[in-house]
Amino acid sequence: MTRCSELRPKLLDLRYGLLDAAEAGAVRAHLAGCKTCSAAWAEAGRQQKLIARAARGVGPVVTF
């Protein structure tokens, strides 16, 4: 797996540990050499943090 279009849907799966070792290794190898996918990997990390924050019900304090 080296094509970006095949890799990107798997980024969150990799973040959450859902890929088997071989597939995770292939994704990581691609990320090491692709700046575009590395940027998408960083964005997936930001999304992961937002999802985790939403799941905890933590949000900004709103006062009126």
Protein backbone atom coordinates (compact mmCIF):
# COMPACT_ATOMS: atom_id res chain seq x y z
CA MET A 1 0.00 0.00 0.00
CA THR A 2 1.76 3.13 -1.12
CA ARG A 3 -0.91 5.11 -2.89
CA CYS A 4 -2.18 8.08 -0.94
CA SER A 5 -5.79 7.42 -1.88
CA GLU A 6 -5.52 3.94 -0.31
CA LEU A 7 -3.75 5.20 2.80
CA ARG A 8 -5.80 8.17 3.95
CA PRO A 9 -8.94 6.24 4.94
CA LYS A 10 -6.74 4.17 7.27
CA LEU A 11 -5.21 7.03 9.26
CA LEU A 12 -7.76 7.06 12.07
CA ASP A 13 -7.69 3.25 12.14
CA LEU A 14 -3.93 3.47 12.72
CA ARG A 15 -4.40 6.14 15.40
CA TYR A 16 -6.84 3.89 17.26
CA GLY A 17 -4.74 0.73 16.86
CA LEU A 18 -7.23 -1.03 14.60
CA LEU A 19 -4.78 -2.17 11.91
CA ASP A 20 -2.86 -5.44 12.02
CA ALA A 21 0.93 -5.20 12.33
CA ALA A 22 1.65 -5.62 8.61
CA GLU A 23 -0.87 -3.01 7.52
CA ALA A 24 0.21 -0.57 10.25
CA GLY A 25 3.82 -1.00 9.13
CA ALA A 26 2.91 -0.29 5.52
CA VAL A 27 1.03 2.85 6.52
CA ARG A 28 3.90 4.06 8.71
CA ALA A 29 6.41 3.40 5.93
CA HIS A 30 4.35 5.47 3.52
CA LEU A 31 3.99 8.27 6.06
CA ALA A 32 7.78 8.41 6.46
CA GLY A 33 8.18 9.36 2.82
CA CYS A 34 5.08 11.37 1.97
CA LYS A 35 4.74 14.95 3.19
CA THR A 36 1.12 15.22 2.09
CA CYS A 37 0.05 12.11 3.98
CA SER A 38 2.17 13.14 6.98
CA ALA A 39 0.15 16.36 7.12
CA ALA A 40 -3.06 14.31 6.94
CA TRP A 41 -1.66 12.12 9.76
CA ALA A 42 -1.19 15.22 11.92
CA GLU A 43 -4.75 16.31 11.13
CA ALA A 44 -5.99 12.84 12.09
CA GLY A 45 -4.28 13.36 15.45
CA ARG A 46 -6.13 16.61 15.94
CA GLN A 47 -9.39 14.87 15.02
CA GLN A 48 -8.63 12.08 17.49
CA LYS A 49 -8.18 14.62 20.27
CA LEU A 50 -11.47 16.33 19.36
CA ILE A 51 -13.32 13.02 19.34
CA ALA A 52 -11.84 12.05 22.70
CA ARG A 53 -12.75 15.44 24.13
CA ALA A 54 -16.33 15.17 22.86
CA ALA A 55 -16.65 11.66 24.25
CA ARG A 56 -15.70 12.92 27.71
CA GLY A 57 -18.26 15.67 27.42
CA VAL A 58 -15.61 18.30 28.05
CA GLY A 59 -16.30 21.59 26.41
CA PRO A 60 -15.86 25.27 26.96
CA VAL A 61 -17.66 26.83 29.90
CA VAL A 62 -20.43 29.05 28.61
CA THR A 63 -21.87 31.74 30.83
CA PHE A 64 -24.57 34.24 30.07
